Amino acid sequence: MRLFDKFKKKAGYGKQKTEKNQSKVQAFKNAEPRKDLTVAELQQAQSTKAGDKKEVKKAVKKDDTKRSYKVLLRPMVTEKGTYLASENKYLFEVDKQTNKLEIKKAINAVYGVWPVGINIVRLPGKKVRHGKVRGRTADRKKAIVTLKKGESINVYEGV
């Protein structure tokens, strides 16, 4: 047992926390709660300096508008979609890798409206045949965007 006691003393086992460690713990406890950010916002915030907050906000807004057209692929004009439009719900086909927060920001960037709720449905591809050739259609992701009463989106422009 004495052999292990010597190793423990050399490695510093059993020492109390130093002031440096205690200050780190206090800083962690006093930190602000984490905000939900997209990947683009996190990369932008890390790449810029802490003093350049105004530049970060401007750059993020430009990236949001560019990204929003990649997130929202197309509005789905279907029978069900037109029925849901009367209930302030709109259907969009979205990129397969997006989440609800990114869809919400994209709707705000493109249409200038904040959604109340977003439901996401993943649609698997179907098996198809063209003569002897068999295949499969692509997987899709559909978002049902709910707006407040009185707000609307002009989805049918140019259709």
Protein backbone atom coordinates (compact mmCIF):
# COMPACT_ATOMS: atom_id res chain seq x y z
CA MET A 1 0.00 0.00 0.00
CA ARG A 2 2.83 2.41 0.67
CA LEU A 3 3.94 2.21 -2.94
CA PHE A 4 0.56 3.50 -4.15
CA ASP A 5 0.59 6.25 -1.52
CA LYS A 6 3.85 7.59 -2.98
CA PHE A 7 2.33 7.71 -6.47
CA LYS A 8 -0.75 9.50 -5.17
CA LYS A 9 1.38 12.17 -3.49
CA LYS A 10 3.44 12.72 -6.64
CA ALA A 11 0.37 12.94 -8.88
CA GLY A 12 -1.38 15.34 -6.48
CA TYR A 13 -4.35 13.16 -5.50
CA GLY A 14 -6.39 14.45 -2.60
CA LYS A 15 -5.42 18.11 -3.06
CA GLN A 16 -8.15 20.68 -2.61
CA LYS A 17 -9.31 22.75 -5.56
CA THR A 18 -7.06 25.65 -6.35
CA GLU A 19 -8.28 29.21 -6.70
CA LYS A 20 -7.88 29.00 -10.46
CA ASN A 21 -10.21 26.01 -10.71
CA GLN A 22 -12.72 27.63 -8.38
CA SER A 23 -12.76 30.79 -10.51
CA LYS A 24 -13.47 28.70 -13.63
CA VAL A 25 -16.37 27.00 -11.86
CA GLN A 26 -17.79 30.37 -10.78
CA ALA A 27 -17.45 31.77 -14.30
CA PHE A 28 -19.30 28.74 -15.69
CA LYS A 29 -22.12 29.15 -13.16
CA ASN A 30 -22.48 32.86 -13.88
CA ALA A 31 -22.49 32.44 -17.68
CA GLU A 32 -25.56 33.38 -19.71
CA PRO A 33 -27.87 30.56 -20.87
CA ARG A 34 -27.13 29.09 -24.30
CA LYS A 35 -29.14 30.47 -27.20
CA ASP A 36 -30.31 28.29 -30.09
CA LEU A 37 -28.15 29.16 -33.08
CA THR A 38 -27.79 27.67 -36.50
CA VAL A 39 -24.49 26.25 -37.70
CA ALA A 40 -23.87 29.29 -39.90
CA GLU A 41 -24.33 31.65 -36.96
CA LEU A 42 -21.95 29.64 -34.77
CA GLN A 43 -19.25 29.59 -37.45
CA GLN A 44 -19.70 33.30 -38.05
CA ALA A 45 -19.47 34.12 -34.34
CA GLN A 46 -16.32 32.01 -33.90
CA SER A 47 -14.56 33.44 -36.93
CA THR A 48 -15.01 37.07 -35.90
CA LYS A 49 -13.63 38.93 -32.91
CA ALA A 50 -15.72 39.60 -29.82
CA GLY A 51 -15.54 43.38 -30.37
CA ASP A 52 -17.06 43.24 -33.88
CA LYS A 53 -20.64 42.47 -32.86
CA LYS A 54 -22.24 44.78 -35.45
CA GLU A 55 -20.35 43.13 -38.30
CA VAL A 56 -21.43 39.68 -37.09
CA LYS A 57 -25.11 40.65 -37.13
CA LYS A 58 -24.90 42.07 -40.66
CA ALA A 59 -23.04 39.01 -41.97
CA VAL A 60 -25.51 36.62 -40.34
CA LYS A 61 -28.47 38.40 -41.95
CA LYS A 62 -26.90 38.08 -45.41
CA ASP A 63 -26.16 34.40 -44.84
CA ASP A 64 -29.72 33.82 -43.59
CA THR A 65 -31.30 35.14 -46.78
CA LYS A 66 -28.97 33.10 -48.97
CA ARG A 67 -29.46 29.98 -46.89
CA SER A 68 -33.23 30.41 -46.67
CA TYR A 69 -33.68 29.72 -50.38
CA LYS A 70 -31.71 26.50 -49.93
CA VAL A 71 -33.80 25.51 -46.91
CA LEU A 72 -37.23 26.18 -48.48
CA LEU A 73 -37.14 24.24 -51.74
CA ARG A 74 -40.70 24.92 -52.92
CA PRO A 75 -44.23 25.47 -51.61
CA MET A 76 -46.35 22.36 -52.06
CA VAL A 77 -49.48 23.28 -54.01
CA THR A 78 -51.77 20.34 -53.35
CA GLU A 79 -55.38 19.78 -52.45
CA LYS A 80 -54.48 19.26 -48.83
CA GLY A 81 -52.25 22.34 -48.91
CA THR A 82 -55.03 24.61 -50.16
CA TYR A 83 -57.36 23.24 -47.49
CA LEU A 84 -54.76 23.90 -44.77
CA ALA A 85 -54.21 27.46 -46.06
CA SER A 86 -57.70 28.33 -44.83
CA GLU A 87 -56.51 27.33 -41.32
CA ASN A 88 -53.33 29.50 -41.57
CA LYS A 89 -51.13 26.47 -42.25
CA TYR A 90 -48.84 26.27 -45.27
CA LEU A 91 -46.94 23.33 -46.78
CA PHE A 92 -43.33 23.58 -47.93
CA GLU A 93 -40.89 21.02 -49.22
CA VAL A 94 -37.65 21.62 -47.32
CA ASP A 95 -34.08 20.37 -47.43
CA LYS A 96 -33.68 16.95 -45.79
CA GLN A 97 -31.06 18.12 -43.29
CA THR A 98 -32.79 21.19 -41.87
CA ASN A 99 -34.40 21.48 -38.46
CA LYS A 100 -37.37 23.47 -37.19
CA LEU A 101 -35.30 26.46 -36.10
CA GLU A 102 -33.70 26.86 -39.53
CA ILE A 103 -37.10 26.57 -41.22
CA LYS A 104 -38.53 29.23 -38.91
CA LYS A 105 -35.68 31.63 -39.71
CA ALA A 106 -36.01 30.94 -43.44
CA ILE A 107 -39.76 31.70 -43.40
CA ASN A 108 -39.01 34.97 -41.62
CA ALA A 109 -36.25 35.90 -44.08
CA VAL A 110 -38.30 35.15 -47.21
CA TYR A 111 -41.86 36.14 -46.21
CA GLY A 112 -41.28 38.44 -43.20
CA VAL A 113 -43.59 36.45 -40.92
CA TRP A 114 -42.70 34.59 -37.71
CA PRO A 115 -44.38 31.16 -37.57
CA VAL A 116 -46.16 30.06 -34.40
CA GLY A 117 -45.43 26.38 -34.96
CA ILE A 118 -43.72 24.04 -37.38
CA ASN A 119 -44.40 20.35 -37.90
CA ILE A 120 -42.01 18.24 -39.95
CA VAL A 121 -42.85 15.06 -41.88
CA ARG A 122 -40.23 12.84 -43.50
CA LEU A 123 -41.57 11.18 -46.64
CA PRO A 124 -39.74 8.08 -47.89
CA GLY A 125 -39.34 7.56 -51.63
CA LYS A 126 -41.65 5.21 -53.50
CA LYS A 127 -40.77 2.25 -55.69
CA VAL A 128 -41.46 2.98 -59.36
CA ARG A 129 -41.17 1.10 -62.65
CA HIS A 130 -40.67 2.38 -66.18
CA GLY A 131 -41.09 -0.72 -68.34
CA LYS A 132 -38.44 -3.22 -67.24
CA VAL A 133 -36.42 -0.63 -65.34
CA ARG A 134 -37.12 -0.46 -61.62
CA GLY A 135 -36.20 2.46 -59.47
CA ARG A 136 -37.10 4.59 -56.55
CA THR A 137 -38.10 8.23 -56.15
CA ALA A 138 -36.11 10.48 -53.83
CA ASP A 139 -36.86 10.87 -50.12
CA ARG A 140 -38.41 14.21 -49.19
CA LYS A 141 -39.09 16.32 -46.12
CA LYS A 142 -42.28 18.35 -45.73
CA ALA A 143 -42.85 21.21 -43.28
CA ILE A 144 -46.27 22.39 -42.15
CA VAL A 145 -45.90 26.02 -41.05
CA THR A 146 -48.56 27.48 -38.75
CA LEU A 147 -49.01 31.28 -38.62
CA LYS A 148 -50.87 33.60 -36.25
CA LYS A 149 -54.45 34.59 -37.04
CA GLY A 150 -54.57 37.46 -39.49
CA GLU A 151 -51.16 36.70 -41.04
CA SER A 152 -50.78 35.02 -44.41
CA ILE A 153 -48.24 34.06 -47.06
CA ASN A 154 -48.75 34.64 -50.78
CA VAL A 155 -47.74 31.18 -51.95
CA TYR A 156 -49.64 31.22 -55.25
CA GLU A 157 -47.83 34.17 -56.83
CA GLY A 158 -46.64 33.22 -60.28
CA VAL A 159 -48.39 29.83 -60.27
